[in-house]
Amino acid sequence: MTTQKDWDRARWLWLLALVGGVSFMIAVVQRLDGPMIWAWKTTGVGFLALWAAANARERNGWLIAAALGFCAFGDWLLDAQGLETGAVAFVVGHVVAIAVYLANRRARMTPSQRLLGWLTMPATLIIVWAMLSPAPGWWHAAVYSLFVAAMAAAAWTSRFPRYRTGIGAMLFLASDLFIFAGEGAVLSKDVTMWLVWPLYFAGQALIAWGVVSTLAKEARA
């Protein structure tokens, strides 16, 4: 029988990821900024990427580590270089993650599970349009949101644990929608501040946990 100890290498990296990701909420609440804060921001998902790499044993394991790595880089770029540059890094991460999920599609799905997979992208586009249009450049957010929605839909319909990877991807999508809600003044940024980072980091941690544990356990079986 494969135990957690058998597959979970470098648990200290997972713990560092939790410390970095959870503690960064202090910077969010205090509205801290600067190069050291940008570096702090990357520690949560950055250590998740390193943990995934430490447990990678085949192509999909390395790809999910790369997807997390691009997202961590995007976390830094958003503040250091600007929104558009950071979004590019996230898009690359989403495309890599989508490739993993499509290569690992669930063999059987209930009608409701399949329906949610199909509705995620159009529903996201409608929500973004409702919150941001007709503000100039709203379609940039819409295009980006489609990549996030595609990633979430692919994760939800993948064979990875739905209550970890699937829900984690949906939390990631919700995090971005709350960002747009704040930008479109649908919700106050004083409200979205308490939602965006916790949903994002919790989503990434669940994604990593679901994919890495599944692949590593299979490699040891």
C-alpha atoms as a PDB file:
ATOM      1  CA  MET A   1       0.000   0.000   0.000  1.00  0.00           C
ATOM      2  CA  THR A   2       1.275   3.488  -0.899  1.00  0.00           C
ATOM      3  CA  THR A   3       1.306   5.830   2.083  1.00  0.00           C
ATOM      4  CA  GLN A   4       1.408   9.616   2.062  1.00  0.00           C
ATOM      5  CA  LYS A   5       5.062   9.463   3.118  1.00  0.00           C
ATOM      6  CA  ASP A   6       5.851   7.327   0.069  1.00  0.00           C
ATOM      7  CA  TRP A   7       4.719   9.904  -2.466  1.00  0.00           C
ATOM      8  CA  ASP A   8       5.013  13.263  -0.707  1.00  0.00           C
ATOM      9  CA  ARG A   9       8.585  14.437  -1.160  1.00  0.00           C
ATOM     10  CA  ALA A  10       9.890  17.713   0.262  1.00  0.00           C
ATOM     11  CA  ARG A  11       6.934  18.333   2.584  1.00  0.00           C
ATOM     12  CA  TRP A  12       8.876  21.326   3.894  1.00  0.00           C
ATOM     13  CA  LEU A  13       8.291  23.073   0.546  1.00  0.00           C
ATOM     14  CA  TRP A  14       4.536  22.571   0.950  1.00  0.00           C
ATOM     15  CA  LEU A  15       4.718  24.043   4.452  1.00  0.00           C
ATOM     16  CA  LEU A  16       6.751  27.004   3.220  1.00  0.00           C
ATOM     17  CA  ALA A  17       4.143  27.570   0.505  1.00  0.00           C
ATOM     18  CA  LEU A  18       1.394  27.685   3.129  1.00  0.00           C
ATOM     19  CA  VAL A  19       3.377  30.075   5.312  1.00  0.00           C
ATOM     20  CA  GLY A  20       4.151  32.357   2.360  1.00  0.00           C
ATOM     21  CA  GLY A  21       0.658  32.300   0.902  1.00  0.00           C
ATOM     22  CA  VAL A  22      -1.263  32.700   4.145  1.00  0.00           C
ATOM     23  CA  SER A  23       1.051  35.343   5.607  1.00  0.00           C
ATOM     24  CA  PHE A  24       0.848  37.493   2.459  1.00  0.00           C
ATOM     25  CA  MET A  25      -2.651  38.473   3.523  1.00  0.00           C
ATOM     26  CA  ILE A  26      -0.906  40.790   5.980  1.00  0.00           C
ATOM     27  CA  ALA A  27       0.588  42.705   3.055  1.00  0.00           C
ATOM     28  CA  VAL A  28      -2.801  42.789   1.328  1.00  0.00           C
ATOM     29  CA  VAL A  29      -4.618  44.209   4.352  1.00  0.00           C
ATOM     30  CA  GLN A  30      -1.850  46.696   5.118  1.00  0.00           C
ATOM     31  CA  ARG A  31      -1.646  47.667   1.419  1.00  0.00           C
ATOM     32  CA  LEU A  32       2.117  47.233   1.460  1.00  0.00           C
ATOM     33  CA  ASP A  33       4.154  47.691  -1.718  1.00  0.00           C
ATOM     34  CA  GLY A  34       7.728  47.549  -2.962  1.00  0.00           C
ATOM     35  CA  PRO A  35      10.233  44.971  -4.278  1.00  0.00           C
ATOM     36  CA  MET A  36      10.355  42.974  -1.034  1.00  0.00           C
ATOM     37  CA  ILE A  37       6.562  42.750  -0.988  1.00  0.00           C
ATOM     38  CA  TRP A  38       6.524  41.591  -4.613  1.00  0.00           C
ATOM     39  CA  ALA A  39       8.992  38.849  -3.711  1.00  0.00           C
ATOM     40  CA  TRP A  40       6.901  37.884  -0.693  1.00  0.00           C
ATOM     41  CA  LYS A  41       3.870  37.591  -2.962  1.00  0.00           C
ATOM     42  CA  THR A  42       5.590  34.946  -5.093  1.00  0.00           C
ATOM     43  CA  THR A  43       6.506  32.677  -2.190  1.00  0.00           C
ATOM     44  CA  GLY A  44       3.130  30.959  -1.866  1.00  0.00           C
ATOM     45  CA  VAL A  45       2.676  29.677  -5.424  1.00  0.00           C
ATOM     46  CA  GLY A  46       6.427  29.657  -6.019  1.00  0.00           C
ATOM     47  CA  PHE A  47       6.978  27.077  -3.287  1.00  0.00           C
ATOM     48  CA  LEU A  48       3.969  25.123  -4.570  1.00  0.00           C
ATOM     49  CA  ALA A  49       5.727  24.961  -7.942  1.00  0.00           C
ATOM     50  CA  LEU A  50       8.938  23.739  -6.320  1.00  0.00           C
ATOM     51  CA  TRP A  51       6.998  21.154  -4.310  1.00  0.00           C
ATOM     52  CA  ALA A  52       5.312  19.945  -7.502  1.00  0.00           C
ATOM     53  CA  ALA A  53       8.689  19.695  -9.228  1.00  0.00           C
ATOM     54  CA  ALA A  54      10.154  17.749  -6.300  1.00  0.00           C
ATOM     55  CA  ASN A  55       7.354  15.192  -6.667  1.00  0.00           C
ATOM     56  CA  ALA A  56       7.308  15.100 -10.478  1.00  0.00           C
ATOM     57  CA  ARG A  57       8.093  11.731 -12.022  1.00  0.00           C
ATOM     58  CA  GLU A  58       6.706  12.091 -15.523  1.00  0.00           C
ATOM     59  CA  ARG A  59       5.585  14.659 -18.119  1.00  0.00           C
ATOM     60  CA  ASN A  60       2.335  15.739 -16.484  1.00  0.00           C
ATOM     61  CA  GLY A  61       4.054  16.258 -13.151  1.00  0.00           C
ATOM     62  CA  TRP A  62       6.635  18.549 -14.695  1.00  0.00           C
ATOM     63  CA  LEU A  63       3.985  20.401 -16.672  1.00  0.00           C
ATOM     64  CA  ILE A  64       1.848  21.197 -13.616  1.00  0.00           C
ATOM     65  CA  ALA A  65       5.008  22.405 -11.851  1.00  0.00           C
ATOM     66  CA  ALA A  66       5.678  24.673 -14.847  1.00  0.00           C
ATOM     67  CA  ALA A  67       2.090  25.964 -14.819  1.00  0.00           C
ATOM     68  CA  LEU A  68       2.416  26.895 -11.146  1.00  0.00           C
ATOM     69  CA  GLY A  69       5.808  28.450 -11.835  1.00  0.00           C
ATOM     70  CA  PHE A  70       4.408  30.716 -14.560  1.00  0.00           C
ATOM     71  CA  CYS A  71       1.628  31.811 -12.201  1.00  0.00           C
ATOM     72  CA  ALA A  72       4.170  32.635  -9.486  1.00  0.00           C
ATOM     73  CA  PHE A  73       6.126  34.664 -12.058  1.00  0.00           C
ATOM     74  CA  GLY A  74       2.862  36.377 -13.002  1.00  0.00           C
ATOM     75  CA  ASP A  75       2.275  37.283  -9.355  1.00  0.00           C
ATOM     76  CA  TRP A  76       5.569  39.161  -9.374  1.00  0.00           C
ATOM     77  CA  LEU A  77       5.115  40.719 -12.819  1.00  0.00           C
ATOM     78  CA  LEU A  78       1.674  42.127 -11.995  1.00  0.00           C
ATOM     79  CA  ASP A  79       3.227  44.497  -9.474  1.00  0.00           C
ATOM     80  CA  ALA A  80       6.741  44.847 -10.850  1.00  0.00           C
ATOM     81  CA  GLN A  81       5.934  45.311 -14.548  1.00  0.00           C
ATOM     82  CA  GLY A  82       2.219  45.928 -14.829  1.00  0.00           C
ATOM     83  CA  LEU A  83      -1.097  44.202 -15.430  1.00  0.00           C
ATOM     84  CA  GLU A  84      -0.651  43.263 -19.087  1.00  0.00           C
ATOM     85  CA  THR A  85       2.815  41.745 -18.614  1.00  0.00           C
ATOM     86  CA  GLY A  86       1.671  39.769 -15.598  1.00  0.00           C
ATOM     87  CA  ALA A  87      -1.405  38.559 -17.471  1.00  0.00           C
ATOM     88  CA  VAL A  88       0.798  37.114 -20.223  1.00  0.00           C
ATOM     89  CA  ALA A  89       2.645  34.942 -17.703  1.00  0.00           C
ATOM     90  CA  PHE A  90      -0.648  33.748 -16.258  1.00  0.00           C
ATOM     91  CA  VAL A  91      -2.003  32.930 -19.720  1.00  0.00           C
ATOM     92  CA  VAL A  92       1.058  30.780 -20.408  1.00  0.00           C
ATOM     93  CA  GLY A  93       0.484  29.009 -17.085  1.00  0.00           C
ATOM     94  CA  HIS A  94      -3.185  28.447 -17.927  1.00  0.00           C
ATOM     95  CA  VAL A  95      -2.360  27.013 -21.352  1.00  0.00           C
ATOM     96  CA  VAL A  96       0.128  24.579 -19.810  1.00  0.00           C
ATOM     97  CA  ALA A  97      -2.406  23.548 -17.149  1.00  0.00           C
ATOM     98  CA  ILE A  98      -5.129  23.085 -19.782  1.00  0.00           C
ATOM     99  CA  ALA A  99      -2.808  20.743 -21.694  1.00  0.00           C
ATOM    100  CA  VAL A 100      -2.400  18.630 -18.546  1.00  0.00           C
ATOM    101  CA  TYR A 101      -6.136  18.493 -17.850  1.00  0.00           C
ATOM    102  CA  LEU A 102      -7.121  17.685 -21.440  1.00  0.00           C
ATOM    103  CA  ALA A 103      -4.573  14.869 -21.492  1.00  0.00           C
ATOM    104  CA  ASN A 104      -6.217  13.538 -18.329  1.00  0.00           C
ATOM    105  CA  ARG A 105      -9.920  13.880 -19.081  1.00  0.00           C
ATOM    106  CA  ARG A 106     -12.390  12.064 -16.861  1.00  0.00           C
ATOM    107  CA  ALA A 107     -13.703   8.934 -18.568  1.00  0.00           C
ATOM    108  CA  ARG A 108     -17.220   9.246 -17.147  1.00  0.00           C
ATOM    109  CA  MET A 109     -19.127  12.354 -16.082  1.00  0.00           C
ATOM    110  CA  THR A 110     -22.644  12.952 -14.871  1.00  0.00           C
ATOM    111  CA  PRO A 111     -24.795  15.277 -17.010  1.00  0.00           C
ATOM    112  CA  SER A 112     -24.493  18.045 -14.397  1.00  0.00           C
ATOM    113  CA  GLN A 113     -20.710  17.753 -14.310  1.00  0.00           C
ATOM    114  CA  ARG A 114     -20.528  17.899 -18.096  1.00  0.00           C
ATOM    115  CA  LEU A 115     -22.936  20.843 -18.183  1.00  0.00           C
ATOM    116  CA  LEU A 116     -20.840  22.880 -15.747  1.00  0.00           C
ATOM    117  CA  GLY A 117     -17.768  22.212 -17.873  1.00  0.00           C
ATOM    118  CA  TRP A 118     -19.525  23.526 -20.963  1.00  0.00           C
ATOM    119  CA  LEU A 119     -21.136  26.542 -19.253  1.00  0.00           C
ATOM    120  CA  THR A 120     -18.051  27.846 -17.425  1.00  0.00           C
ATOM    121  CA  MET A 121     -16.601  29.819 -20.345  1.00  0.00           C
ATOM    122  CA  PRO A 122     -19.786  31.478 -21.677  1.00  0.00           C
ATOM    123  CA  ALA A 123     -21.006  32.246 -18.153  1.00  0.00           C
ATOM    124  CA  THR A 124     -17.668  33.849 -17.302  1.00  0.00           C
ATOM    125  CA  LEU A 125     -17.750  35.977 -20.442  1.00  0.00           C
ATOM    126  CA  ILE A 126     -21.272  37.198 -19.655  1.00  0.00           C
ATOM    127  CA  ILE A 127     -20.316  38.059 -16.063  1.00  0.00           C
ATOM    128  CA  VAL A 128     -17.217  40.004 -17.137  1.00  0.00           C
ATOM    129  CA  TRP A 129     -19.193  41.839 -19.823  1.00  0.00           C
ATOM    130  CA  ALA A 130     -21.897  42.767 -17.307  1.00  0.00           C
ATOM    131  CA  MET A 131     -19.370  44.075 -14.794  1.00  0.00           C
ATOM    132  CA  LEU A 132     -16.941  45.952 -17.037  1.00  0.00           C
ATOM    133  CA  SER A 133     -18.598  47.028 -20.299  1.00  0.00           C
ATOM    134  CA  PRO A 134     -18.728  49.577 -21.809  1.00  0.00           C
ATOM    135  CA  ALA A 135     -15.561  50.798 -20.075  1.00  0.00           C
ATOM    136  CA  PRO A 136     -12.631  51.194 -22.492  1.00  0.00           C
ATOM    137  CA  GLY A 137     -10.574  48.038 -22.835  1.00  0.00           C
ATOM    138  CA  TRP A 138     -13.093  45.816 -21.062  1.00  0.00           C
ATOM    139  CA  TRP A 139     -12.590  43.189 -23.728  1.00  0.00           C
ATOM    140  CA  HIS A 140      -8.964  42.723 -22.604  1.00  0.00           C
ATOM    141  CA  ALA A 141     -10.306  41.421 -19.310  1.00  0.00           C
ATOM    142  CA  ALA A 142     -12.859  39.322 -21.186  1.00  0.00           C
ATOM    143  CA  VAL A 143     -10.208  37.655 -23.342  1.00  0.00           C
ATOM    144  CA  TYR A 144      -8.004  36.943 -20.326  1.00  0.00           C
ATOM    145  CA  SER A 145     -10.964  35.598 -18.355  1.00  0.00           C
ATOM    146  CA  LEU A 146     -11.648  33.054 -21.100  1.00  0.00           C
ATOM    147  CA  PHE A 147      -8.237  31.481 -20.517  1.00  0.00           C
ATOM    148  CA  VAL A 148      -8.946  31.231 -16.786  1.00  0.00           C
ATOM    149  CA  ALA A 149     -12.410  29.836 -17.443  1.00  0.00           C
ATOM    150  CA  ALA A 150     -11.040  27.291 -19.929  1.00  0.00           C
ATOM    151  CA  MET A 151      -8.506  26.179 -17.336  1.00  0.00           C
ATOM    152  CA  ALA A 152     -11.233  25.834 -14.694  1.00  0.00           C
ATOM    153  CA  ALA A 153     -13.544  23.916 -17.039  1.00  0.00           C
ATOM    154  CA  ALA A 154     -10.743  21.571 -18.101  1.00  0.00           C
ATOM    155  CA  ALA A 155      -9.768  20.966 -14.472  1.00  0.00           C
ATOM    156  CA  TRP A 156     -13.371  20.274 -13.488  1.00  0.00           C
ATOM    157  CA  THR A 157     -13.752  17.666 -16.234  1.00  0.00           C
ATOM    158  CA  SER A 158     -10.332  16.087 -15.661  1.00  0.00           C
ATOM    159  CA  ARG A 159      -9.746  12.834 -13.794  1.00  0.00           C
ATOM    160  CA  PHE A 160      -8.007  14.650 -10.939  1.00  0.00           C
ATOM    161  CA  PRO A 161      -9.948  14.873  -7.650  1.00  0.00           C
ATOM    162  CA  ARG A 162     -12.849  17.231  -8.220  1.00  0.00           C
ATOM    163  CA  TYR A 163     -12.976  18.306  -4.578  1.00  0.00           C
ATOM    164  CA  ARG A 164      -9.359  19.396  -4.768  1.00  0.00           C
ATOM    165  CA  THR A 165      -8.238  20.249  -8.292  1.00  0.00           C
ATOM    166  CA  GLY A 166     -11.698  20.959  -9.689  1.00  0.00           C
ATOM    167  CA  ILE A 167     -12.847  23.192  -6.857  1.00  0.00           C
ATOM    168  CA  GLY A 168      -9.401  24.779  -6.647  1.00  0.00           C
ATOM    169  CA  ALA A 169      -9.598  25.840 -10.291  1.00  0.00           C
ATOM    170  CA  MET A 170     -13.079  27.266  -9.744  1.00  0.00           C
ATOM    171  CA  LEU A 171     -11.797  29.241  -6.742  1.00  0.00           C
ATOM    172  CA  PHE A 172      -9.025  30.627  -8.961  1.00  0.00           C
ATOM    173  CA  LEU A 173     -11.665  31.737 -11.472  1.00  0.00           C
ATOM    174  CA  ALA A 174     -13.781  33.285  -8.705  1.00  0.00           C
ATOM    175  CA  SER A 175     -10.745  35.219  -7.498  1.00  0.00           C
ATOM    176  CA  ASP A 176     -10.302  36.841 -10.911  1.00  0.00           C
ATOM    177  CA  LEU A 177     -14.006  37.632 -11.153  1.00  0.00           C
ATOM    178  CA  PHE A 178     -13.797  39.448  -7.820  1.00  0.00           C
ATOM    179  CA  ILE A 179     -10.848  41.444  -9.194  1.00  0.00           C
ATOM    180  CA  PHE A 180     -13.040  42.516 -12.099  1.00  0.00           C
ATOM    181  CA  ALA A 181     -15.913  43.265  -9.718  1.00  0.00           C
ATOM    182  CA  GLY A 182     -13.637  45.670  -7.869  1.00  0.00           C
ATOM    183  CA  GLU A 183     -12.369  47.272 -11.069  1.00  0.00           C
ATOM    184  CA  GLY A 184     -15.916  47.693 -12.371  1.00  0.00           C
ATOM    185  CA  ALA A 185     -17.126  49.160  -9.052  1.00  0.00           C
ATOM    186  CA  VAL A 186     -19.668  46.354  -8.704  1.00  0.00           C
ATOM    187  CA  LEU A 187     -18.120  45.722  -5.296  1.00  0.00           C
ATOM    188  CA  SER A 188     -15.951  47.995  -3.207  1.00  0.00           C
ATOM    189  CA  LYS A 189     -12.245  47.169  -3.316  1.00  0.00           C
ATOM    190  CA  ASP A 190     -12.398  47.265   0.483  1.00  0.00           C
ATOM    191  CA  VAL A 191     -14.587  44.171   0.141  1.00  0.00           C
ATOM    192  CA  THR A 192     -12.793  42.391  -2.698  1.00  0.00           C
ATOM    193  CA  MET A 193      -9.484  42.852  -0.875  1.00  0.00           C
ATOM    194  CA  TRP A 194     -10.628  40.182   1.594  1.00  0.00           C
ATOM    195  CA  LEU A 195     -11.641  37.755  -1.151  1.00  0.00           C
ATOM    196  CA  VAL A 196      -9.192  37.892  -4.039  1.00  0.00           C
ATOM    197  CA  TRP A 197      -5.974  36.644  -2.452  1.00  0.00           C
ATOM    198  CA  PRO A 198      -7.519  33.963  -0.173  1.00  0.00           C
ATOM    199  CA  LEU A 199      -9.517  32.491  -3.069  1.00  0.00           C
ATOM    200  CA  TYR A 200      -6.529  32.616  -5.403  1.00  0.00           C
ATOM    201  CA  PHE A 201      -4.020  31.002  -3.077  1.00  0.00           C
ATOM    202  CA  ALA A 202      -6.475  28.418  -1.739  1.00  0.00           C
ATOM    203  CA  GLY A 203      -7.322  27.559  -5.335  1.00  0.00           C
ATOM    204  CA  GLN A 204      -3.692  27.119  -6.328  1.00  0.00           C
ATOM    205  CA  ALA A 205      -2.949  25.015  -3.254  1.00  0.00           C
ATOM    206  CA  LEU A 206      -5.911  22.723  -3.973  1.00  0.00           C
ATOM    207  CA  ILE A 207      -4.923  22.416  -7.641  1.00  0.00           C
ATOM    208  CA  ALA A 208      -1.374  21.459  -6.710  1.00  0.00           C
ATOM    209  CA  TRP A 209      -2.480  19.041  -4.012  1.00  0.00           C
ATOM    210  CA  GLY A 210      -4.946  17.250  -6.278  1.00  0.00           C
ATOM    211  CA  VAL A 211      -2.719  16.880  -9.331  1.00  0.00           C
ATOM    212  CA  VAL A 212       0.577  16.182  -7.582  1.00  0.00           C
ATOM    213  CA  SER A 213      -0.820  13.625  -5.142  1.00  0.00           C
ATOM    214  CA  THR A 214      -2.666  11.753  -7.900  1.00  0.00           C
ATOM    215  CA  LEU A 215       0.296  11.560 -10.267  1.00  0.00           C
ATOM    216  CA  ALA A 216       2.834  10.725  -7.573  1.00  0.00           C
ATOM    217  CA  LYS A 217       0.710   7.966  -6.056  1.00  0.00           C
ATOM    218  CA  GLU A 218       0.195   6.426  -9.499  1.00  0.00           C
ATOM    219  CA  ALA A 219       3.926   6.499 -10.165  1.00  0.00           C
ATOM    220  CA  ARG A 220       4.558   4.612  -6.909  1.00  0.00           C
ATOM    221  CA  ALA A 221       1.736   2.085  -7.365  1.00  0.00           C
END
